[in-house]
Amino acid sequence: MTGDNEKIVNIKKVQHLPVIRGLSDSALLPCVFSVLPSSAIDPSLLPDPPRIKWTKVLLEGGSRKEIPVLVAKNNTVKFNPAYQGRASLPGYGPYHYNASLEIVSLQASDTGIYQCEVVVGIDDEQDTVPLEVL
C-alpha cells in the first residue's frame, strides 16, 4: 500500500484558465500524468494499465451530474455518441501518459467543466479544465 505522498498515478495539475474558443473551432484540454515508479517507462509492467476517463461536469440545482465523453484503456477508446467523431486523445500513444482531450467542431453546448480521471489499480487522480465556446 502506498502512502498519500506516494500515489501510483499523479496528474500534472496546474490552475487552468478557461480554454476559450469560437464555434466550429477545436480545443485541446490538457491532462498529462505520470505513474510510479518513474523508472517504469513501459506501462505493460504496471499491475493494471492506466484507464482514462473524460467527463463533462454539470452542476444543476446543487447536484453534480457527470456526462461521459470517453473512456480509454489498452489502446481501446469508447466514446459517448454525442462526441463520436469530434473527440480524440491525440497524445494517447504507445505509453499512454498524455490524456489530453481534443474536441473539434465545437458547439455552444460544449461549454462547461471537463474532468480528466486517470485510474491505475485502486489509485486515481482527477483534474478539471473549463471550456468556453463563444
N, C-alpha and C. Protein backbone atom coordinates (compact mmCIF):
# COMPACT_ATOMS: atom_id res chain seq x y z
N MET A 1 0.84 -1.17 0.00
CA MET A 1 0.00 0.00 0.00
C MET A 1 0.89 1.24 0.00
N THR A 2 0.57 2.19 -0.85
CA THR A 2 1.38 3.41 -0.91
C THR A 2 0.75 4.47 -0.03
N GLY A 3 1.58 5.36 0.49
CA GLY A 3 1.09 6.46 1.32
C GLY A 3 0.54 7.56 0.44
N ASP A 4 -0.04 8.60 1.06
CA ASP A 4 -0.64 9.69 0.30
C ASP A 4 0.38 10.38 -0.59
N ASN A 5 1.63 10.46 -0.14
CA ASN A 5 2.65 11.13 -0.93
C ASN A 5 3.26 10.21 -1.98
N GLU A 6 2.84 8.97 -2.02
CA GLU A 6 3.42 8.00 -2.94
C GLU A 6 2.34 7.34 -3.78
N LYS A 7 1.42 8.13 -4.30
CA LYS A 7 0.38 7.57 -5.15
C LYS A 7 1.03 7.00 -6.40
N ILE A 8 0.41 5.97 -6.94
CA ILE A 8 0.95 5.35 -8.14
C ILE A 8 0.78 6.27 -9.35
N VAL A 9 -0.32 7.00 -9.40
CA VAL A 9 -0.59 7.87 -10.54
C VAL A 9 -0.69 9.32 -10.06
N ASN A 10 -0.08 10.23 -10.82
CA ASN A 10 -0.11 11.65 -10.50
C ASN A 10 -0.34 12.45 -11.76
N ILE A 11 -1.38 13.30 -11.73
CA ILE A 11 -1.64 14.20 -12.84
C ILE A 11 -0.87 15.49 -12.60
N LYS A 12 -0.28 16.01 -13.67
CA LYS A 12 0.41 17.30 -13.57
C LYS A 12 -0.66 18.37 -13.52
N LYS A 13 -0.97 18.83 -12.31
CA LYS A 13 -2.06 19.78 -12.12
C LYS A 13 -1.53 21.21 -12.12
N VAL A 14 -2.25 22.06 -12.80
CA VAL A 14 -1.98 23.49 -12.78
C VAL A 14 -3.32 24.19 -12.61
N GLN A 15 -3.30 25.45 -12.23
CA GLN A 15 -4.54 26.21 -12.15
C GLN A 15 -4.93 26.57 -13.57
N HIS A 16 -5.91 25.84 -14.10
CA HIS A 16 -6.27 26.02 -15.51
C HIS A 16 -7.13 27.26 -15.70
N LEU A 17 -6.68 28.14 -16.58
CA LEU A 17 -7.53 29.22 -17.04
C LEU A 17 -8.52 28.59 -18.02
N PRO A 18 -9.68 29.20 -18.19
CA PRO A 18 -10.62 28.62 -19.16
C PRO A 18 -9.99 28.56 -20.56
N VAL A 19 -10.25 27.48 -21.25
CA VAL A 19 -9.89 27.37 -22.66
C VAL A 19 -11.04 28.03 -23.40
N ILE A 20 -10.75 29.11 -24.13
CA ILE A 20 -11.80 29.87 -24.81
C ILE A 20 -11.61 29.73 -26.32
N ARG A 21 -12.65 29.23 -26.98
CA ARG A 21 -12.61 29.02 -28.43
C ARG A 21 -13.94 29.45 -29.04
N GLY A 22 -13.94 29.65 -30.34
CA GLY A 22 -15.14 30.02 -31.07
C GLY A 22 -15.90 28.81 -31.58
N LEU A 23 -17.14 29.03 -31.99
CA LEU A 23 -17.94 27.96 -32.59
C LEU A 23 -17.20 27.35 -33.78
N SER A 24 -17.30 26.08 -33.92
CA SER A 24 -16.67 25.30 -35.00
C SER A 24 -15.16 25.18 -34.88
N ASP A 25 -14.54 25.84 -33.89
CA ASP A 25 -13.10 25.71 -33.67
C ASP A 25 -12.81 24.37 -33.01
N SER A 26 -11.53 24.15 -32.69
CA SER A 26 -11.14 22.97 -31.92
C SER A 26 -10.49 23.44 -30.63
N ALA A 27 -10.53 22.57 -29.62
CA ALA A 27 -9.94 22.90 -28.32
C ALA A 27 -9.17 21.69 -27.82
N LEU A 28 -8.02 21.95 -27.19
CA LEU A 28 -7.22 20.90 -26.57
C LEU A 28 -7.24 21.13 -25.06
N LEU A 29 -7.81 20.18 -24.33
CA LEU A 29 -7.92 20.27 -22.87
C LEU A 29 -6.82 19.40 -22.27
N PRO A 30 -5.86 20.02 -21.54
CA PRO A 30 -4.67 19.28 -21.09
C PRO A 30 -4.94 18.28 -19.96
N CYS A 31 -4.26 17.14 -20.04
CA CYS A 31 -4.25 16.14 -18.98
C CYS A 31 -3.03 15.26 -19.20
N VAL A 32 -1.97 15.56 -18.46
CA VAL A 32 -0.72 14.80 -18.58
C VAL A 32 -0.43 14.22 -17.20
N PHE A 33 -0.06 12.94 -17.16
CA PHE A 33 0.14 12.29 -15.87
C PHE A 33 1.41 11.44 -15.88
N SER A 34 1.81 11.05 -14.68
CA SER A 34 2.95 10.15 -14.53
C SER A 34 2.53 8.99 -13.65
N VAL A 35 3.28 7.91 -13.76
CA VAL A 35 3.00 6.70 -12.99
C VAL A 35 4.27 6.29 -12.28
N LEU A 36 4.15 5.94 -10.99
CA LEU A 36 5.30 5.46 -10.23
C LEU A 36 5.43 3.96 -10.37
N PRO A 37 6.61 3.39 -10.32
CA PRO A 37 7.86 4.11 -10.21
C PRO A 37 8.17 4.84 -11.51
N SER A 38 8.78 6.00 -11.37
CA SER A 38 9.04 6.84 -12.55
C SER A 38 9.98 6.16 -13.53
N SER A 39 10.74 5.18 -13.06
CA SER A 39 11.66 4.48 -13.96
C SER A 39 10.93 3.47 -14.83
N ALA A 40 9.66 3.18 -14.51
CA ALA A 40 8.91 2.21 -15.31
C ALA A 40 8.38 2.91 -16.56
N ILE A 41 9.14 2.87 -17.63
CA ILE A 41 8.76 3.54 -18.87
C ILE A 41 7.68 2.74 -19.59
N ASP A 42 7.67 1.46 -19.41
CA ASP A 42 6.75 0.59 -20.13
C ASP A 42 5.50 0.33 -19.29
N PRO A 43 4.31 0.85 -19.72
CA PRO A 43 3.11 0.66 -18.92
C PRO A 43 2.69 -0.80 -18.79
N SER A 44 3.22 -1.68 -19.65
CA SER A 44 2.85 -3.10 -19.53
C SER A 44 3.42 -3.71 -18.25
N LEU A 45 4.38 -3.02 -17.59
CA LEU A 45 4.94 -3.51 -16.34
C LEU A 45 4.05 -3.16 -15.15
N LEU A 46 3.06 -2.29 -15.36
CA LEU A 46 2.16 -1.92 -14.28
C LEU A 46 1.22 -3.07 -13.97
N PRO A 47 0.73 -3.15 -12.72
CA PRO A 47 -0.21 -4.20 -12.39
C PRO A 47 -1.50 -4.08 -13.20
N ASP A 48 -1.88 -2.87 -13.57
CA ASP A 48 -3.08 -2.63 -14.34
C ASP A 48 -2.82 -1.41 -15.22
N PRO A 49 -3.05 -1.49 -16.53
CA PRO A 49 -2.79 -0.33 -17.39
C PRO A 49 -3.68 0.84 -16.98
N PRO A 50 -3.20 2.08 -17.18
CA PRO A 50 -4.00 3.24 -16.82
C PRO A 50 -5.32 3.27 -17.59
N ARG A 51 -6.38 3.69 -16.90
CA ARG A 51 -7.69 3.91 -17.54
C ARG A 51 -7.94 5.41 -17.52
N ILE A 52 -8.27 5.97 -18.67
CA ILE A 52 -8.52 7.40 -18.81
C ILE A 52 -10.02 7.60 -18.97
N LYS A 53 -10.57 8.52 -18.21
CA LYS A 53 -11.99 8.84 -18.35
C LYS A 53 -12.16 10.35 -18.37
N TRP A 54 -12.77 10.85 -19.43
CA TRP A 54 -13.12 12.26 -19.52
C TRP A 54 -14.63 12.40 -19.37
N THR A 55 -15.05 13.33 -18.51
CA THR A 55 -16.47 13.61 -18.33
C THR A 55 -16.69 15.12 -18.39
N LYS A 56 -17.90 15.50 -18.74
CA LYS A 56 -18.32 16.89 -18.65
C LYS A 56 -19.13 16.99 -17.36
N VAL A 57 -18.75 17.92 -16.49
CA VAL A 57 -19.38 18.05 -15.18
C VAL A 57 -20.43 19.16 -15.23
N LEU A 58 -21.65 18.81 -14.85
CA LEU A 58 -22.74 19.78 -14.79
C LEU A 58 -23.15 19.95 -13.35
N LEU A 59 -23.36 21.18 -12.94
CA LEU A 59 -23.88 21.48 -11.61
C LEU A 59 -25.28 22.04 -11.79
N GLU A 60 -26.27 21.23 -11.45
CA GLU A 60 -27.66 21.62 -11.64
C GLU A 60 -28.40 21.54 -10.33
N GLY A 61 -28.95 22.67 -9.89
CA GLY A 61 -29.75 22.68 -8.67
C GLY A 61 -29.02 22.14 -7.46
N GLY A 62 -27.73 22.43 -7.37
CA GLY A 62 -26.95 21.98 -6.23
C GLY A 62 -26.46 20.55 -6.32
N SER A 63 -26.84 19.84 -7.39
CA SER A 63 -26.35 18.46 -7.53
C SER A 63 -25.37 18.39 -8.71
N ARG A 64 -24.47 17.43 -8.61
CA ARG A 64 -23.42 17.26 -9.62
C ARG A 64 -23.82 16.11 -10.54
N LYS A 65 -23.71 16.35 -11.83
CA LYS A 65 -24.01 15.32 -12.83
C LYS A 65 -22.82 15.22 -13.77
N GLU A 66 -22.39 14.00 -14.06
CA GLU A 66 -21.27 13.80 -14.96
C GLU A 66 -21.75 13.13 -16.24
N ILE A 67 -21.40 13.74 -17.37
CA ILE A 67 -21.74 13.17 -18.67
C ILE A 67 -20.46 12.60 -19.27
N PRO A 68 -20.41 11.30 -19.51
CA PRO A 68 -19.19 10.71 -20.08
C PRO A 68 -18.90 11.27 -21.47
N VAL A 69 -17.62 11.54 -21.72
CA VAL A 69 -17.17 11.94 -23.05
C VAL A 69 -16.49 10.75 -23.70
N LEU A 70 -15.52 10.16 -22.98
CA LEU A 70 -14.84 8.97 -23.49
C LEU A 70 -14.15 8.24 -22.35
N VAL A 71 -13.86 6.97 -22.61
CA VAL A 71 -13.08 6.13 -21.70
C VAL A 71 -12.05 5.40 -22.56
N ALA A 72 -10.78 5.38 -22.08
CA ALA A 72 -9.71 4.74 -22.84
C ALA A 72 -8.90 3.82 -21.94
N LYS A 73 -8.55 2.65 -22.47
CA LYS A 73 -7.68 1.72 -21.77
C LYS A 73 -7.13 0.73 -22.79
N ASN A 74 -5.83 0.45 -22.69
CA ASN A 74 -5.21 -0.55 -23.58
C ASN A 74 -5.47 -0.29 -25.06
N ASN A 75 -5.25 0.94 -25.51
CA ASN A 75 -5.43 1.30 -26.92
C ASN A 75 -6.87 1.21 -27.41
N THR A 76 -7.84 1.01 -26.51
CA THR A 76 -9.25 1.00 -26.87
C THR A 76 -9.90 2.26 -26.31
N VAL A 77 -10.56 3.01 -27.16
CA VAL A 77 -11.23 4.24 -26.74
C VAL A 77 -12.71 4.09 -27.08
N LYS A 78 -13.57 4.30 -26.06
CA LYS A 78 -15.01 4.24 -26.26
C LYS A 78 -15.57 5.65 -26.05
N PHE A 79 -16.43 6.08 -26.99
CA PHE A 79 -16.94 7.43 -27.00
C PHE A 79 -18.43 7.48 -26.66
N ASN A 80 -18.83 8.57 -26.01
CA ASN A 80 -20.24 8.91 -25.91
C ASN A 80 -20.66 9.27 -27.34
N PRO A 81 -21.80 8.77 -27.83
CA PRO A 81 -22.21 9.08 -29.21
C PRO A 81 -22.25 10.58 -29.52
N ALA A 82 -22.53 11.42 -28.53
CA ALA A 82 -22.58 12.87 -28.77
C ALA A 82 -21.21 13.44 -29.13
N TYR A 83 -20.14 12.72 -28.79
CA TYR A 83 -18.78 13.19 -29.07
C TYR A 83 -18.08 12.35 -30.13
N GLN A 84 -18.72 11.29 -30.59
CA GLN A 84 -18.12 10.41 -31.61
C GLN A 84 -17.76 11.24 -32.84
N GLY A 85 -16.53 11.11 -33.30
CA GLY A 85 -16.07 11.85 -34.48
C GLY A 85 -15.62 13.27 -34.17
N ARG A 86 -15.86 13.75 -32.93
CA ARG A 86 -15.45 15.11 -32.57
C ARG A 86 -14.40 15.12 -31.47
N ALA A 87 -14.33 14.05 -30.70
CA ALA A 87 -13.38 13.99 -29.57
C ALA A 87 -12.29 12.97 -29.88
N SER A 88 -11.08 13.27 -29.38
CA SER A 88 -9.96 12.34 -29.55
C SER A 88 -8.92 12.59 -28.47
N LEU A 89 -8.02 11.65 -28.34
CA LEU A 89 -6.87 11.77 -27.44
C LEU A 89 -5.62 11.78 -28.32
N PRO A 90 -5.25 12.95 -28.88
CA PRO A 90 -4.15 12.98 -29.85
C PRO A 90 -2.80 12.56 -29.29
N GLY A 91 -2.58 12.69 -27.98
CA GLY A 91 -1.30 12.32 -27.39
C GLY A 91 -1.28 10.94 -26.79
N TYR A 92 -2.38 10.18 -26.94
CA TYR A 92 -2.50 8.86 -26.34
C TYR A 92 -1.79 7.85 -27.23
N GLY A 93 -0.46 7.85 -27.11
CA GLY A 93 0.37 6.99 -27.95
C GLY A 93 0.74 5.71 -27.24
N PRO A 94 1.88 5.17 -27.60
CA PRO A 94 2.26 3.86 -27.07
C PRO A 94 2.48 3.82 -25.56
N TYR A 95 2.75 4.96 -24.93
CA TYR A 95 3.00 4.93 -23.49
C TYR A 95 1.85 5.49 -22.66
N HIS A 96 0.81 6.03 -23.32
CA HIS A 96 -0.45 6.40 -22.67
C HIS A 96 -0.33 7.41 -21.53
N TYR A 97 0.68 8.28 -21.51
CA TYR A 97 0.82 9.22 -20.40
C TYR A 97 0.29 10.62 -20.73
N ASN A 98 -0.18 10.82 -21.94
CA ASN A 98 -0.78 12.09 -22.32
C ASN A 98 -2.24 11.82 -22.63
N ALA A 99 -3.12 12.26 -21.73
CA ALA A 99 -4.55 12.01 -21.88
C ALA A 99 -5.30 13.27 -22.28
N SER A 100 -4.59 14.24 -22.85
CA SER A 100 -5.23 15.48 -23.25
C SER A 100 -6.35 15.21 -24.26
N LEU A 101 -7.47 15.91 -24.07
CA LEU A 101 -8.67 15.71 -24.89
C LEU A 101 -8.77 16.82 -25.93
N GLU A 102 -8.96 16.42 -27.18
CA GLU A 102 -9.22 17.40 -28.24
C GLU A 102 -10.67 17.24 -28.68
N ILE A 103 -11.37 18.37 -28.75
CA ILE A 103 -12.73 18.38 -29.27
C ILE A 103 -12.73 19.31 -30.48
N VAL A 104 -13.22 18.82 -31.61
CA VAL A 104 -13.28 19.61 -32.83
C VAL A 104 -14.74 19.96 -33.14
N SER A 105 -14.93 20.88 -34.08
CA SER A 105 -16.28 21.32 -34.45
C SER A 105 -17.08 21.70 -33.22
N LEU A 106 -16.48 22.58 -32.40
CA LEU A 106 -17.10 22.96 -31.13
C LEU A 106 -18.50 23.54 -31.32
N GLN A 107 -19.37 23.20 -30.37
CA GLN A 107 -20.74 23.68 -30.34
C GLN A 107 -20.93 24.47 -29.05
N ALA A 108 -21.91 25.35 -29.02
CA ALA A 108 -22.18 26.14 -27.82
C ALA A 108 -22.43 25.22 -26.62
N SER A 109 -23.05 24.07 -26.87
CA SER A 109 -23.36 23.14 -25.78
C SER A 109 -22.12 22.46 -25.20
N ASP A 110 -20.96 22.62 -25.85
CA ASP A 110 -19.72 22.04 -25.32
C ASP A 110 -19.15 22.87 -24.16
N THR A 111 -19.65 24.10 -23.98
CA THR A 111 -19.19 24.93 -22.86
C THR A 111 -19.44 24.21 -21.55
N GLY A 112 -18.43 24.22 -20.67
CA GLY A 112 -18.59 23.59 -19.36
C GLY A 112 -17.25 23.22 -18.76
N ILE A 113 -17.32 22.46 -17.68
CA ILE A 113 -16.13 22.00 -16.98
C ILE A 113 -15.92 20.54 -17.33
N TYR A 114 -14.72 20.22 -17.78
CA TYR A 114 -14.37 18.85 -18.15
C TYR A 114 -13.41 18.28 -17.12
N GLN A 115 -13.63 17.02 -16.78
CA GLN A 115 -12.79 16.36 -15.78
C GLN A 115 -12.06 15.18 -16.42
N CYS A 116 -10.76 15.17 -16.22
CA CYS A 116 -9.92 14.06 -16.63
C CYS A 116 -9.65 13.21 -15.40
N GLU A 117 -9.92 11.92 -15.49
CA GLU A 117 -9.65 11.00 -14.38
C GLU A 117 -8.75 9.88 -14.90
N VAL A 118 -7.66 9.63 -14.18
CA VAL A 118 -6.74 8.56 -14.53
C VAL A 118 -6.74 7.57 -13.38
N VAL A 119 -7.00 6.30 -13.70
CA VAL A 119 -7.07 5.25 -12.68
C VAL A 119 -6.04 4.19 -13.00
N VAL A 120 -5.21 3.86 -11.99
CA VAL A 120 -4.26 2.76 -12.09
C VAL A 120 -4.48 1.90 -10.85
N GLY A 121 -4.96 0.68 -11.05
CA GLY A 121 -5.28 -0.18 -9.90
C GLY A 121 -6.34 0.48 -9.06
N ILE A 122 -6.05 0.69 -7.76
CA ILE A 122 -7.01 1.34 -6.88
C ILE A 122 -6.71 2.83 -6.70
N ASP A 123 -5.64 3.33 -7.31
CA ASP A 123 -5.28 4.74 -7.21
C ASP A 123 -5.91 5.51 -8.37
N ASP A 124 -6.35 6.73 -8.07
CA ASP A 124 -6.88 7.58 -9.13
C ASP A 124 -6.54 9.03 -8.85
N GLU A 125 -6.53 9.81 -9.89
CA GLU A 125 -6.29 11.25 -9.83
C GLU A 125 -7.25 11.92 -10.80
N GLN A 126 -7.69 13.13 -10.45
CA GLN A 126 -8.56 13.90 -11.34
C GLN A 126 -8.03 15.31 -11.48
N ASP A 127 -8.38 15.91 -12.59
CA ASP A 127 -8.12 17.33 -12.79
C ASP A 127 -9.25 17.86 -13.65
N THR A 128 -9.56 19.16 -13.51
CA THR A 128 -10.63 19.75 -14.29
C THR A 128 -10.11 20.90 -15.15
N VAL A 129 -10.77 21.07 -16.29
CA VAL A 129 -10.41 22.14 -17.23
C VAL A 129 -11.70 22.78 -17.71
N PRO A 130 -11.86 24.11 -17.51
CA PRO A 130 -13.05 24.79 -18.03
C PRO A 130 -12.92 25.09 -19.51
N LEU A 131 -14.01 24.93 -20.25
CA LEU A 131 -14.05 25.24 -21.68
C LEU A 131 -15.19 26.23 -21.93
N GLU A 132 -14.87 27.32 -22.63
CA GLU A 132 -15.90 28.29 -23.03
C GLU A 132 -15.94 28.36 -24.54
N VAL A 133 -17.11 28.13 -25.11
CA VAL A 133 -17.29 28.24 -26.55
C VAL A 133 -18.11 29.50 -26.81
N LEU A 134 -17.52 30.42 -27.56
CA LEU A 134 -18.18 31.72 -27.81
C LEU A 134 -18.89 31.73 -29.14
